[in-house]
Amino acid sequence: MRADLPSGTAVELSIPEGPPTRGVIIVPDIAGMRPLFDDLAARLTAELNWAVAVFDPFAGRRLGDIDERFAAVSTLDDDRIIADAVASADLVTERTGTARVALMGFCMGGMYAYKGATSARFDRAVTFYGMIKVPMMWRGATQKEPLAMLAERRSCPILSIIAADDPYTPTQDVAELKQFAPLITVVTFPGADHGFVHDPDRPSHRPEDAAEAWRQVYAFLA
């Protein structure tokens, strides 16, 4: 079901009938909220009894094709997105009573999962091929570097799912991320490219690796 956060940002809620085993907040990829993430939320609720909320990182802005979205990322505000992630967690807690809420993000949303992990609201965070450093074309006055935020603030434990052939997570960036071990657990999938887990329609999708990535996530969030 759709709801609105106090900021006015749209959020999709998937709530189990009984007490949930945990809450999970999802930050979508750059294409934003769409049926793919509605279905993911519903599946996680049905299979794992999680209370799931997915919010729109673009906060309802009318954006066209992927090029327009790429151009808009530099204008996104970290503080607003983190505040919406926290507000989504508070909404899940209010609706279900569960205080144990994790943050999860995919692609661009994975970059925000690193940042949101420093908010002190989440017990765990999972990033699927999130950018470890803000790409040059996305840098702006309201964008902070994930590694700098992780170094400056206390973070919850993070599981980082990395595709070895992903141009958005080059080897040097991954090496810098690994310096935060054991707080951050990095799991790399050889031969995988960006977006190999969450969207079966992507050419980069790898069903067996995707299934293993989800097994790692389920164990981390258990």
N, C-alpha and C. Protein backbone atom coordinates (compact mmCIF):
# COMPACT_ATOMS: atom_id res chain seq x y z
N MET A 1 0.84 -1.20 0.00
CA MET A 1 0.00 0.00 0.00
C MET A 1 0.87 1.25 0.00
N ARG A 2 0.39 2.30 -0.63
CA ARG A 2 1.13 3.56 -0.69
C ARG A 2 0.76 4.43 0.51
N ALA A 3 1.75 5.16 1.00
CA ALA A 3 1.54 6.13 2.07
C ALA A 3 2.48 7.30 1.82
N ASP A 4 2.40 8.32 2.65
CA ASP A 4 3.28 9.48 2.54
C ASP A 4 4.05 9.66 3.85
N LEU A 5 5.33 9.99 3.73
CA LEU A 5 6.13 10.34 4.89
C LEU A 5 5.81 11.78 5.30
N PRO A 6 6.22 12.20 6.49
CA PRO A 6 5.97 13.59 6.91
C PRO A 6 6.50 14.62 5.91
N SER A 7 7.57 14.27 5.17
CA SER A 7 8.14 15.19 4.18
C SER A 7 7.30 15.28 2.93
N GLY A 8 6.33 14.35 2.78
CA GLY A 8 5.54 14.28 1.56
C GLY A 8 6.05 13.24 0.58
N THR A 9 7.21 12.64 0.86
CA THR A 9 7.77 11.61 0.00
C THR A 9 6.90 10.36 0.03
N ALA A 10 6.67 9.79 -1.14
CA ALA A 10 5.86 8.57 -1.24
C ALA A 10 6.64 7.37 -0.72
N VAL A 11 5.91 6.44 -0.09
CA VAL A 11 6.51 5.22 0.43
C VAL A 11 5.56 4.08 0.17
N GLU A 12 6.11 2.93 -0.23
CA GLU A 12 5.33 1.70 -0.39
C GLU A 12 5.55 0.85 0.84
N LEU A 13 4.45 0.44 1.49
CA LEU A 13 4.52 -0.37 2.70
C LEU A 13 4.02 -1.78 2.42
N SER A 14 4.76 -2.77 2.91
CA SER A 14 4.32 -4.16 2.86
C SER A 14 4.45 -4.72 4.27
N ILE A 15 3.32 -4.93 4.91
CA ILE A 15 3.28 -5.28 6.33
C ILE A 15 2.67 -6.66 6.51
N PRO A 16 3.33 -7.57 7.22
CA PRO A 16 2.73 -8.89 7.45
C PRO A 16 1.53 -8.80 8.40
N GLU A 17 0.72 -9.83 8.40
CA GLU A 17 -0.47 -9.83 9.25
C GLU A 17 -0.10 -9.91 10.73
N GLY A 18 0.88 -10.71 11.07
CA GLY A 18 1.31 -10.84 12.46
C GLY A 18 2.55 -10.03 12.73
N PRO A 19 3.14 -10.17 13.91
CA PRO A 19 4.37 -9.44 14.24
C PRO A 19 5.49 -9.81 13.27
N PRO A 20 6.18 -8.84 12.71
CA PRO A 20 7.26 -9.13 11.76
C PRO A 20 8.53 -9.62 12.46
N THR A 21 9.34 -10.35 11.70
CA THR A 21 10.64 -10.77 12.24
C THR A 21 11.63 -9.62 12.27
N ARG A 22 11.44 -8.65 11.40
CA ARG A 22 12.23 -7.41 11.41
C ARG A 22 11.61 -6.43 10.43
N GLY A 23 12.11 -5.20 10.45
CA GLY A 23 11.75 -4.21 9.46
C GLY A 23 12.92 -3.99 8.50
N VAL A 24 12.62 -3.65 7.26
CA VAL A 24 13.63 -3.35 6.25
C VAL A 24 13.16 -2.15 5.42
N ILE A 25 14.04 -1.16 5.30
CA ILE A 25 13.77 0.01 4.45
C ILE A 25 14.61 -0.12 3.20
N ILE A 26 13.99 0.03 2.03
CA ILE A 26 14.68 -0.13 0.75
C ILE A 26 14.76 1.21 0.03
N VAL A 27 15.98 1.52 -0.43
CA VAL A 27 16.20 2.68 -1.30
C VAL A 27 16.40 2.14 -2.71
N PRO A 28 15.51 2.45 -3.65
CA PRO A 28 15.61 1.87 -5.00
C PRO A 28 16.83 2.36 -5.78
N ASP A 29 17.00 1.79 -6.96
CA ASP A 29 18.04 2.23 -7.88
C ASP A 29 17.61 3.55 -8.53
N ILE A 30 18.40 4.00 -9.49
CA ILE A 30 18.17 5.33 -10.06
C ILE A 30 16.84 5.42 -10.81
N ALA A 31 16.29 4.30 -11.23
CA ALA A 31 14.99 4.33 -11.91
C ALA A 31 13.83 4.57 -10.95
N GLY A 32 14.09 4.48 -9.65
CA GLY A 32 13.12 4.88 -8.64
C GLY A 32 12.05 3.84 -8.35
N MET A 33 11.02 4.27 -7.65
CA MET A 33 9.91 3.38 -7.28
C MET A 33 9.16 2.93 -8.52
N ARG A 34 8.86 1.63 -8.55
CA ARG A 34 8.14 1.05 -9.68
C ARG A 34 7.69 -0.35 -9.27
N PRO A 35 6.91 -1.03 -10.11
CA PRO A 35 6.40 -2.35 -9.73
C PRO A 35 7.49 -3.34 -9.32
N LEU A 36 8.70 -3.24 -9.90
CA LEU A 36 9.78 -4.14 -9.52
C LEU A 36 10.02 -4.12 -8.01
N PHE A 37 10.02 -2.92 -7.41
CA PHE A 37 10.29 -2.81 -5.98
C PHE A 37 9.04 -3.07 -5.14
N ASP A 38 7.86 -2.77 -5.68
CA ASP A 38 6.63 -3.17 -4.99
C ASP A 38 6.59 -4.68 -4.84
N ASP A 39 6.96 -5.38 -5.93
CA ASP A 39 6.94 -6.84 -5.91
C ASP A 39 8.01 -7.39 -4.97
N LEU A 40 9.19 -6.76 -4.96
CA LEU A 40 10.25 -7.20 -4.05
C LEU A 40 9.80 -7.06 -2.60
N ALA A 41 9.20 -5.94 -2.26
CA ALA A 41 8.72 -5.73 -0.89
C ALA A 41 7.70 -6.79 -0.51
N ALA A 42 6.76 -7.07 -1.41
CA ALA A 42 5.73 -8.07 -1.13
C ALA A 42 6.35 -9.45 -0.96
N ARG A 43 7.36 -9.77 -1.78
CA ARG A 43 8.00 -11.09 -1.67
C ARG A 43 8.73 -11.24 -0.35
N LEU A 44 9.45 -10.21 0.06
CA LEU A 44 10.19 -10.28 1.32
C LEU A 44 9.25 -10.42 2.51
N THR A 45 8.09 -9.79 2.41
CA THR A 45 7.09 -9.94 3.46
C THR A 45 6.52 -11.35 3.48
N ALA A 46 6.17 -11.87 2.30
CA ALA A 46 5.54 -13.18 2.22
C ALA A 46 6.50 -14.30 2.62
N GLU A 47 7.76 -14.19 2.19
CA GLU A 47 8.71 -15.28 2.41
C GLU A 47 9.42 -15.21 3.76
N LEU A 48 9.64 -13.99 4.27
CA LEU A 48 10.46 -13.83 5.46
C LEU A 48 9.74 -13.16 6.62
N ASN A 49 8.50 -12.74 6.38
CA ASN A 49 7.73 -12.06 7.42
C ASN A 49 8.37 -10.74 7.84
N TRP A 50 9.02 -10.08 6.88
CA TRP A 50 9.59 -8.76 7.13
C TRP A 50 8.55 -7.68 6.87
N ALA A 51 8.59 -6.62 7.64
CA ALA A 51 7.83 -5.40 7.34
C ALA A 51 8.74 -4.51 6.50
N VAL A 52 8.31 -4.19 5.30
CA VAL A 52 9.18 -3.53 4.32
C VAL A 52 8.58 -2.20 3.89
N ALA A 53 9.44 -1.19 3.78
CA ALA A 53 9.04 0.10 3.24
C ALA A 53 10.03 0.50 2.15
N VAL A 54 9.53 0.94 1.02
CA VAL A 54 10.35 1.42 -0.09
C VAL A 54 9.98 2.88 -0.33
N PHE A 55 10.96 3.77 -0.29
CA PHE A 55 10.63 5.19 -0.51
C PHE A 55 11.33 5.72 -1.75
N ASP A 56 10.78 6.80 -2.26
CA ASP A 56 11.25 7.39 -3.52
C ASP A 56 12.39 8.37 -3.25
N PRO A 57 13.62 8.06 -3.64
CA PRO A 57 14.73 8.99 -3.37
C PRO A 57 14.60 10.31 -4.11
N PHE A 58 13.83 10.32 -5.20
CA PHE A 58 13.62 11.56 -5.94
C PHE A 58 12.41 12.33 -5.44
N ALA A 59 11.77 11.83 -4.38
CA ALA A 59 10.69 12.54 -3.69
C ALA A 59 9.61 13.07 -4.64
N GLY A 60 9.20 12.23 -5.59
CA GLY A 60 8.08 12.59 -6.44
C GLY A 60 8.39 13.55 -7.56
N ARG A 61 9.66 13.88 -7.77
CA ARG A 61 10.00 14.77 -8.88
C ARG A 61 9.66 14.10 -10.20
N ARG A 62 9.13 14.88 -11.13
CA ARG A 62 8.76 14.35 -12.45
C ARG A 62 10.01 14.31 -13.32
N LEU A 63 10.55 13.10 -13.50
CA LEU A 63 11.76 12.93 -14.29
C LEU A 63 11.47 11.96 -15.42
N GLY A 64 12.13 12.19 -16.54
CA GLY A 64 11.88 11.38 -17.72
C GLY A 64 12.79 10.18 -17.81
N ASP A 65 13.59 10.12 -18.88
CA ASP A 65 14.42 8.94 -19.13
C ASP A 65 15.61 8.88 -18.18
N ILE A 66 16.41 7.83 -18.33
CA ILE A 66 17.51 7.59 -17.42
C ILE A 66 18.55 8.70 -17.47
N ASP A 67 18.72 9.33 -18.64
CA ASP A 67 19.68 10.43 -18.75
C ASP A 67 19.26 11.61 -17.87
N GLU A 68 17.96 11.89 -17.86
CA GLU A 68 17.47 12.97 -17.02
C GLU A 68 17.65 12.65 -15.54
N ARG A 69 17.48 11.40 -15.19
CA ARG A 69 17.67 10.98 -13.81
C ARG A 69 19.14 11.08 -13.41
N PHE A 70 20.03 10.64 -14.28
CA PHE A 70 21.46 10.76 -14.00
C PHE A 70 21.83 12.21 -13.75
N ALA A 71 21.30 13.11 -14.56
CA ALA A 71 21.61 14.54 -14.41
C ALA A 71 21.07 15.10 -13.11
N ALA A 72 19.99 14.51 -12.60
CA ALA A 72 19.34 15.05 -11.40
C ALA A 72 20.01 14.60 -10.10
N VAL A 73 20.82 13.54 -10.14
CA VAL A 73 21.39 13.01 -8.90
C VAL A 73 22.25 14.04 -8.18
N SER A 74 22.97 14.87 -8.92
CA SER A 74 23.85 15.86 -8.28
C SER A 74 23.07 16.88 -7.47
N THR A 75 21.75 16.96 -7.70
CA THR A 75 20.93 17.92 -6.95
C THR A 75 20.23 17.27 -5.75
N LEU A 76 20.40 15.96 -5.57
CA LEU A 76 19.79 15.30 -4.42
C LEU A 76 20.50 15.71 -3.14
N ASP A 77 19.75 15.70 -2.06
CA ASP A 77 20.25 16.17 -0.77
C ASP A 77 20.39 14.98 0.18
N ASP A 78 21.62 14.68 0.57
CA ASP A 78 21.86 13.56 1.50
C ASP A 78 21.00 13.66 2.74
N ASP A 79 20.95 14.84 3.32
CA ASP A 79 20.21 15.00 4.58
C ASP A 79 18.73 14.66 4.41
N ARG A 80 18.14 15.07 3.28
CA ARG A 80 16.73 14.76 3.05
C ARG A 80 16.53 13.27 2.86
N ILE A 81 17.39 12.64 2.09
CA ILE A 81 17.22 11.22 1.81
C ILE A 81 17.41 10.40 3.08
N ILE A 82 18.42 10.75 3.88
CA ILE A 82 18.62 10.03 5.13
C ILE A 82 17.44 10.26 6.07
N ALA A 83 16.93 11.49 6.09
CA ALA A 83 15.76 11.79 6.93
C ALA A 83 14.55 10.97 6.49
N ASP A 84 14.37 10.79 5.18
CA ASP A 84 13.26 9.97 4.69
C ASP A 84 13.47 8.50 5.04
N ALA A 85 14.72 8.03 5.00
CA ALA A 85 14.99 6.65 5.41
C ALA A 85 14.65 6.45 6.88
N VAL A 86 15.03 7.40 7.72
CA VAL A 86 14.73 7.31 9.15
C VAL A 86 13.22 7.40 9.38
N ALA A 87 12.56 8.31 8.67
CA ALA A 87 11.10 8.44 8.81
C ALA A 87 10.39 7.16 8.36
N SER A 88 10.93 6.50 7.32
CA SER A 88 10.35 5.23 6.88
C SER A 88 10.49 4.18 7.97
N ALA A 89 11.67 4.16 8.62
CA ALA A 89 11.88 3.21 9.72
C ALA A 89 10.93 3.50 10.88
N ASP A 90 10.75 4.78 11.18
CA ASP A 90 9.83 5.14 12.27
C ASP A 90 8.40 4.72 11.93
N LEU A 91 8.03 4.85 10.66
CA LEU A 91 6.68 4.45 10.25
C LEU A 91 6.49 2.95 10.39
N VAL A 92 7.50 2.17 10.00
CA VAL A 92 7.43 0.72 10.16
C VAL A 92 7.32 0.35 11.63
N THR A 93 8.10 1.00 12.48
CA THR A 93 8.03 0.73 13.92
C THR A 93 6.66 1.10 14.48
N GLU A 94 6.14 2.23 14.04
CA GLU A 94 4.82 2.67 14.51
C GLU A 94 3.73 1.68 14.10
N ARG A 95 3.81 1.18 12.86
CA ARG A 95 2.76 0.29 12.35
C ARG A 95 2.86 -1.13 12.92
N THR A 96 4.09 -1.57 13.28
CA THR A 96 4.28 -2.98 13.62
C THR A 96 4.83 -3.22 15.02
N GLY A 97 5.42 -2.20 15.63
CA GLY A 97 6.02 -2.37 16.94
C GLY A 97 7.45 -2.86 16.92
N THR A 98 7.98 -3.22 15.74
CA THR A 98 9.35 -3.72 15.68
C THR A 98 10.34 -2.55 15.69
N ALA A 99 11.32 -2.64 16.59
CA ALA A 99 12.36 -1.61 16.65
C ALA A 99 13.58 -2.00 15.84
N ARG A 100 13.62 -3.25 15.40
CA ARG A 100 14.78 -3.77 14.67
C ARG A 100 14.56 -3.54 13.18
N VAL A 101 15.20 -2.50 12.65
CA VAL A 101 14.98 -2.12 11.26
C VAL A 101 16.32 -1.98 10.56
N ALA A 102 16.43 -2.60 9.38
CA ALA A 102 17.64 -2.52 8.56
C ALA A 102 17.40 -1.62 7.37
N LEU A 103 18.50 -1.14 6.78
CA LEU A 103 18.46 -0.31 5.58
C LEU A 103 19.08 -1.09 4.44
N MET A 104 18.45 -1.06 3.27
CA MET A 104 18.93 -1.80 2.10
C MET A 104 18.83 -0.90 0.88
N GLY A 105 19.84 -0.93 0.01
CA GLY A 105 19.78 -0.12 -1.19
C GLY A 105 20.42 -0.81 -2.37
N PHE A 106 19.96 -0.43 -3.56
CA PHE A 106 20.42 -1.02 -4.81
C PHE A 106 20.99 0.07 -5.72
N CYS A 107 22.17 -0.17 -6.27
CA CYS A 107 22.82 0.77 -7.19
C CYS A 107 22.95 2.15 -6.52
N MET A 108 22.34 3.18 -7.06
CA MET A 108 22.36 4.49 -6.41
C MET A 108 21.82 4.39 -4.99
N GLY A 109 20.78 3.60 -4.81
CA GLY A 109 20.23 3.40 -3.47
C GLY A 109 21.22 2.71 -2.54
N GLY A 110 22.10 1.88 -3.11
CA GLY A 110 23.15 1.27 -2.31
C GLY A 110 24.14 2.29 -1.79
N MET A 111 24.42 3.30 -2.60
CA MET A 111 25.28 4.39 -2.15
C MET A 111 24.64 5.10 -0.95
N TYR A 112 23.32 5.30 -1.02
CA TYR A 112 22.64 5.94 0.10
C TYR A 112 22.52 5.03 1.32
N ALA A 113 22.58 3.71 1.09
CA ALA A 113 22.58 2.79 2.24
C ALA A 113 23.86 2.95 3.04
N TYR A 114 25.01 3.15 2.36
CA TYR A 114 26.24 3.44 3.11
C TYR A 114 26.06 4.70 3.96
N LYS A 115 25.50 5.71 3.35
CA LYS A 115 25.35 6.98 4.07
C LYS A 115 24.33 6.86 5.21
N GLY A 116 23.21 6.23 4.93
CA GLY A 116 22.17 6.08 5.94
C GLY A 116 22.59 5.19 7.10
N ALA A 117 23.56 4.32 6.86
CA ALA A 117 24.05 3.45 7.94
C ALA A 117 24.69 4.24 9.06
N THR A 118 25.04 5.49 8.81
CA THR A 118 25.66 6.34 9.83
C THR A 118 24.64 7.15 10.63
N SER A 119 23.35 6.90 10.40
CA SER A 119 22.30 7.72 11.03
C SER A 119 21.98 7.31 12.46
N ALA A 120 22.47 6.14 12.90
CA ALA A 120 22.19 5.59 14.24
C ALA A 120 20.76 5.08 14.37
N ARG A 121 20.01 4.98 13.27
CA ARG A 121 18.63 4.49 13.33
C ARG A 121 18.52 3.00 13.01
N PHE A 122 19.47 2.48 12.24
CA PHE A 122 19.35 1.13 11.70
C PHE A 122 20.30 0.17 12.42
N ASP A 123 19.82 -1.07 12.59
CA ASP A 123 20.68 -2.06 13.26
C ASP A 123 21.64 -2.72 12.29
N ARG A 124 21.30 -2.74 11.01
CA ARG A 124 22.15 -3.32 9.97
C ARG A 124 21.86 -2.60 8.65
N ALA A 125 22.80 -2.72 7.71
CA ALA A 125 22.59 -2.15 6.38
C ALA A 125 23.16 -3.11 5.34
N VAL A 126 22.50 -3.15 4.18
CA VAL A 126 22.94 -3.97 3.06
C VAL A 126 23.01 -3.09 1.82
N THR A 127 24.12 -3.14 1.12
CA THR A 127 24.24 -2.39 -0.13
C THR A 127 24.50 -3.37 -1.27
N PHE A 128 23.66 -3.29 -2.28
CA PHE A 128 23.88 -4.06 -3.50
C PHE A 128 24.54 -3.15 -4.52
N TYR A 129 25.80 -3.41 -4.79
CA TYR A 129 26.62 -2.67 -5.76
C TYR A 129 26.42 -1.16 -5.67
N GLY A 130 26.37 -0.66 -4.43
CA GLY A 130 26.29 0.79 -4.22
C GLY A 130 27.62 1.46 -4.51
N MET A 131 27.57 2.67 -5.02
CA MET A 131 28.79 3.41 -5.31
C MET A 131 29.53 3.73 -4.01
N ILE A 132 30.79 3.37 -3.94
CA ILE A 132 31.60 3.59 -2.75
C ILE A 132 32.09 5.03 -2.70
N LYS A 133 32.29 5.60 -3.87
CA LYS A 133 32.59 7.03 -4.00
C LYS A 133 31.56 7.63 -4.95
N VAL A 134 31.18 8.88 -4.69
CA VAL A 134 30.19 9.54 -5.55
C VAL A 134 30.80 9.74 -6.94
N PRO A 135 30.18 9.20 -7.99
CA PRO A 135 30.71 9.41 -9.34
C PRO A 135 30.82 10.91 -9.67
N MET A 136 31.81 11.25 -10.46
CA MET A 136 32.08 12.65 -10.78
C MET A 136 30.83 13.38 -11.26
N MET A 137 30.05 12.75 -12.13
CA MET A 137 28.88 13.41 -12.71
C MET A 137 27.77 13.65 -11.69
N TRP A 138 27.84 12.97 -10.52
CA TRP A 138 26.82 13.11 -9.50
C TRP A 138 27.22 14.04 -8.37
N ARG A 139 28.42 14.54 -8.36
CA ARG A 139 28.87 15.34 -7.24
C ARG A 139 28.16 16.70 -7.21
N GLY A 140 27.78 17.10 -6.00
CA GLY A 140 27.10 18.37 -5.84
C GLY A 140 27.24 18.87 -4.42
N ALA A 141 26.75 20.05 -4.17
CA ALA A 141 26.93 20.70 -2.87
C ALA A 141 26.26 19.93 -1.73
N THR A 142 25.23 19.15 -2.04
CA THR A 142 24.50 18.44 -0.99
C THR A 142 24.79 16.94 -1.01
N GLN A 143 25.85 16.55 -1.72
CA GLN A 143 26.28 15.15 -1.76
C GLN A 143 27.58 14.99 -0.98
N LYS A 144 27.57 14.10 0.03
CA LYS A 144 28.78 13.79 0.77
C LYS A 144 29.35 12.47 0.29
N GLU A 145 30.64 12.25 0.58
CA GLU A 145 31.28 11.00 0.18
C GLU A 145 30.96 9.90 1.19
N PRO A 146 30.51 8.73 0.72
CA PRO A 146 30.21 7.64 1.65
C PRO A 146 31.37 7.27 2.56
N LEU A 147 32.57 7.14 2.02
CA LEU A 147 33.72 6.75 2.85
C LEU A 147 34.01 7.80 3.92
N ALA A 148 33.87 9.07 3.57
CA ALA A 148 34.10 10.13 4.56
C ALA A 148 33.07 10.05 5.67
N MET A 149 31.81 9.80 5.33
CA MET A 149 30.77 9.69 6.35
C MET A 149 31.02 8.48 7.25
N LEU A 150 31.45 7.37 6.66
CA LEU A 150 31.74 6.18 7.45
C LEU A 150 32.92 6.41 8.39
N ALA A 151 33.88 7.21 7.95
CA ALA A 151 35.04 7.49 8.78
C ALA A 151 34.72 8.46 9.91
N GLU A 152 33.77 9.38 9.67
CA GLU A 152 33.48 10.44 10.63
C GLU A 152 32.45 10.03 11.68
N ARG A 153 31.55 9.11 11.33
CA ARG A 153 30.43 8.78 12.21
C ARG A 153 30.39 7.28 12.51
N ARG A 154 29.81 6.92 13.61
CA ARG A 154 29.64 5.52 13.95
C ARG A 154 28.57 4.91 13.04
N SER A 155 28.89 3.76 12.49
CA SER A 155 27.98 3.09 11.57
C SER A 155 27.49 1.78 12.16
N CYS A 156 26.32 1.33 11.72
CA CYS A 156 25.88 -0.02 12.03
C CYS A 156 26.65 -0.99 11.14
N PRO A 157 26.64 -2.29 11.44
CA PRO A 157 27.29 -3.26 10.55
C PRO A 157 26.68 -3.23 9.16
N ILE A 158 27.53 -3.40 8.15
CA ILE A 158 27.12 -3.31 6.75
C ILE A 158 27.57 -4.55 5.99
N LEU A 159 26.68 -5.09 5.16
CA LEU A 159 27.03 -6.13 4.20
C LEU A 159 27.05 -5.49 2.82
N SER A 160 28.18 -5.57 2.15
CA SER A 160 28.34 -4.96 0.83
C SER A 160 28.46 -6.03 -0.23
N ILE A 161 27.45 -6.11 -1.12
CA ILE A 161 27.47 -7.05 -2.24
C ILE A 161 28.10 -6.33 -3.43
N ILE A 162 29.23 -6.87 -3.91
CA ILE A 162 30.02 -6.22 -4.95
C ILE A 162 30.09 -7.10 -6.19
N ALA A 163 29.91 -6.51 -7.37
CA ALA A 163 30.15 -7.19 -8.64
C ALA A 163 31.58 -6.89 -9.08
N ALA A 164 32.35 -7.93 -9.34
CA ALA A 164 33.78 -7.74 -9.61
C ALA A 164 34.02 -6.93 -10.88
N ASP A 165 33.10 -6.99 -11.86
CA ASP A 165 33.29 -6.28 -13.13
C ASP A 165 32.45 -5.01 -13.21
N ASP A 166 32.10 -4.45 -12.07
CA ASP A 166 31.25 -3.27 -12.01
C ASP A 166 32.09 -2.00 -12.15
N PRO A 167 31.88 -1.20 -13.19
CA PRO A 167 32.66 0.04 -13.33
C PRO A 167 32.37 1.06 -12.24
N TYR A 168 31.24 0.93 -11.55
CA TYR A 168 30.90 1.88 -10.49
C TYR A 168 31.56 1.54 -9.15
N THR A 169 32.15 0.36 -9.05
CA THR A 169 32.87 -0.01 -7.83
C THR A 169 34.25 -0.54 -8.21
N PRO A 170 35.14 0.34 -8.67
CA PRO A 170 36.47 -0.11 -9.09
C PRO A 170 37.26 -0.74 -7.95
N THR A 171 38.27 -1.51 -8.33
CA THR A 171 39.04 -2.29 -7.36
C THR A 171 39.62 -1.43 -6.25
N GLN A 172 40.13 -0.26 -6.57
CA GLN A 172 40.72 0.61 -5.55
C GLN A 172 39.67 1.06 -4.54
N ASP A 173 38.48 1.38 -5.02
CA ASP A 173 37.41 1.78 -4.10
C ASP A 173 37.03 0.64 -3.17
N VAL A 174 36.96 -0.57 -3.71
CA VAL A 174 36.62 -1.74 -2.89
C VAL A 174 37.71 -1.97 -1.84
N ALA A 175 38.97 -1.78 -2.23
CA ALA A 175 40.08 -1.93 -1.28
C ALA A 175 39.95 -0.94 -0.13
N GLU A 176 39.55 0.29 -0.43
CA GLU A 176 39.36 1.29 0.63
C GLU A 176 38.19 0.93 1.52
N LEU A 177 37.14 0.37 0.93
CA LEU A 177 35.98 -0.05 1.72
C LEU A 177 36.36 -1.17 2.68
N LYS A 178 37.20 -2.08 2.23
CA LYS A 178 37.58 -3.22 3.06
C LYS A 178 38.38 -2.80 4.30
N GLN A 179 38.91 -1.58 4.29
CA GLN A 179 39.64 -1.10 5.45
C GLN A 179 38.72 -0.89 6.66
N PHE A 180 37.40 -0.89 6.41
CA PHE A 180 36.44 -0.72 7.51
C PHE A 180 36.04 -2.07 8.13
N ALA A 181 36.66 -3.16 7.69
CA ALA A 181 36.39 -4.46 8.30
C ALA A 181 36.84 -4.42 9.76
N PRO A 182 36.16 -5.13 10.66
CA PRO A 182 35.05 -6.06 10.44
C PRO A 182 33.67 -5.41 10.44
N LEU A 183 33.61 -4.08 10.58
CA LEU A 183 32.30 -3.42 10.59
C LEU A 183 31.58 -3.62 9.26
N ILE A 184 32.34 -3.60 8.17
CA ILE A 184 31.78 -3.81 6.83
C ILE A 184 32.28 -5.14 6.29
N THR A 185 31.35 -5.98 5.89
CA THR A 185 31.67 -7.27 5.26
C THR A 185 31.46 -7.12 3.76
N VAL A 186 32.52 -7.35 2.99
CA VAL A 186 32.46 -7.23 1.53
C VAL A 186 32.41 -8.62 0.92
N VAL A 187 31.40 -8.88 0.10
CA VAL A 187 31.27 -10.15 -0.61
C VAL A 187 31.31 -9.83 -2.11
N THR A 188 32.32 -10.31 -2.79
CA THR A 188 32.53 -10.02 -4.20
C THR A 188 32.17 -11.22 -5.06
N PHE A 189 31.48 -10.97 -6.16
CA PHE A 189 31.06 -12.02 -7.08
C PHE A 189 31.87 -11.91 -8.38
N PRO A 190 32.83 -12.81 -8.59
CA PRO A 190 33.66 -12.78 -9.81
C PRO A 190 32.81 -12.88 -11.07
N GLY A 191 33.16 -12.09 -12.08
CA GLY A 191 32.47 -12.15 -13.36
C GLY A 191 31.16 -11.41 -13.40
N ALA A 192 30.68 -10.92 -12.26
CA ALA A 192 29.39 -10.23 -12.22
C ALA A 192 29.56 -8.75 -12.56
N ASP A 193 28.54 -8.18 -13.18
CA ASP A 193 28.53 -6.76 -13.53
C ASP A 193 27.44 -6.06 -12.73
N HIS A 194 27.42 -4.74 -12.82
CA HIS A 194 26.48 -3.91 -12.07
C HIS A 194 25.04 -4.37 -12.27
N GLY A 195 24.28 -4.47 -11.18
CA GLY A 195 22.86 -4.79 -11.25
C GLY A 195 22.56 -6.26 -11.47
N PHE A 196 23.47 -7.14 -11.06
CA PHE A 196 23.30 -8.56 -11.38
C PHE A 196 22.26 -9.28 -10.52
N VAL A 197 21.75 -8.62 -9.45
CA VAL A 197 20.87 -9.33 -8.51
C VAL A 197 19.40 -9.00 -8.71
N HIS A 198 19.02 -7.72 -8.67
CA HIS A 198 17.64 -7.37 -8.35
C HIS A 198 16.67 -7.28 -9.51
N ASP A 199 17.15 -7.24 -10.74
CA ASP A 199 16.24 -7.05 -11.87
C ASP A 199 16.48 -8.13 -12.91
N PRO A 200 15.60 -9.15 -12.99
CA PRO A 200 15.80 -10.25 -13.94
C PRO A 200 15.82 -9.81 -15.40
N ASP A 201 15.30 -8.63 -15.71
CA ASP A 201 15.25 -8.16 -17.09
C ASP A 201 16.56 -7.50 -17.54
N ARG A 202 17.47 -7.25 -16.61
CA ARG A 202 18.75 -6.64 -16.99
C ARG A 202 19.64 -7.69 -17.67
N PRO A 203 20.39 -7.29 -18.72
CA PRO A 203 21.31 -8.24 -19.35
C PRO A 203 22.36 -8.78 -18.39
N SER A 204 22.67 -8.01 -17.35
CA SER A 204 23.70 -8.42 -16.40
C SER A 204 23.20 -9.40 -15.34
N HIS A 205 21.89 -9.71 -15.35
CA HIS A 205 21.33 -10.58 -14.30
C HIS A 205 21.98 -11.96 -14.33
N ARG A 206 22.34 -12.47 -13.15
CA ARG A 206 22.95 -13.79 -13.00
C ARG A 206 22.17 -14.55 -11.93
N PRO A 207 21.25 -15.41 -12.35
CA PRO A 207 20.34 -16.05 -11.39
C PRO A 207 21.03 -16.77 -10.25
N GLU A 208 22.05 -17.56 -10.54
CA GLU A 208 22.70 -18.33 -9.47
C GLU A 208 23.43 -17.40 -8.50
N ASP A 209 24.14 -16.41 -9.03
CA ASP A 209 24.83 -15.45 -8.16
C ASP A 209 23.81 -14.62 -7.37
N ALA A 210 22.70 -14.27 -8.02
CA ALA A 210 21.67 -13.50 -7.31
C ALA A 210 21.12 -14.30 -6.14
N ALA A 211 20.87 -15.60 -6.36
CA ALA A 211 20.35 -16.44 -5.28
C ALA A 211 21.36 -16.54 -4.14
N GLU A 212 22.63 -16.65 -4.47
CA GLU A 212 23.65 -16.71 -3.41
C GLU A 212 23.76 -15.38 -2.68
N ALA A 213 23.67 -14.27 -3.41
CA ALA A 213 23.71 -12.96 -2.76
C ALA A 213 22.56 -12.83 -1.76
N TRP A 214 21.36 -13.25 -2.15
CA TRP A 214 20.22 -13.17 -1.23
C TRP A 214 20.42 -14.08 -0.03
N ARG A 215 21.03 -15.26 -0.23
CA ARG A 215 21.31 -16.12 0.93
C ARG A 215 22.24 -15.43 1.92
N GLN A 216 23.24 -14.71 1.40
CA GLN A 216 24.15 -13.96 2.26
C GLN A 216 23.38 -12.87 3.01
N VAL A 217 22.47 -12.20 2.33
CA VAL A 217 21.69 -11.12 2.94
C VAL A 217 20.78 -11.69 4.03
N TYR A 218 20.08 -12.78 3.73
CA TYR A 218 19.17 -13.36 4.71
C TYR A 218 19.92 -13.75 5.99
N ALA A 219 21.10 -14.34 5.82
CA ALA A 219 21.89 -14.74 7.00
C ALA A 219 22.35 -13.51 7.78
N PHE A 220 22.74 -12.46 7.08
CA PHE A 220 23.23 -11.24 7.73
C PHE A 220 22.13 -10.54 8.52
N LEU A 221 20.90 -10.61 8.00
CA LEU A 221 19.78 -9.91 8.64
C LEU A 221 18.96 -10.80 9.57
N ALA A 222 19.34 -12.06 9.68
CA ALA A 222 18.58 -12.99 10.53
C ALA A 222 18.65 -12.55 11.99
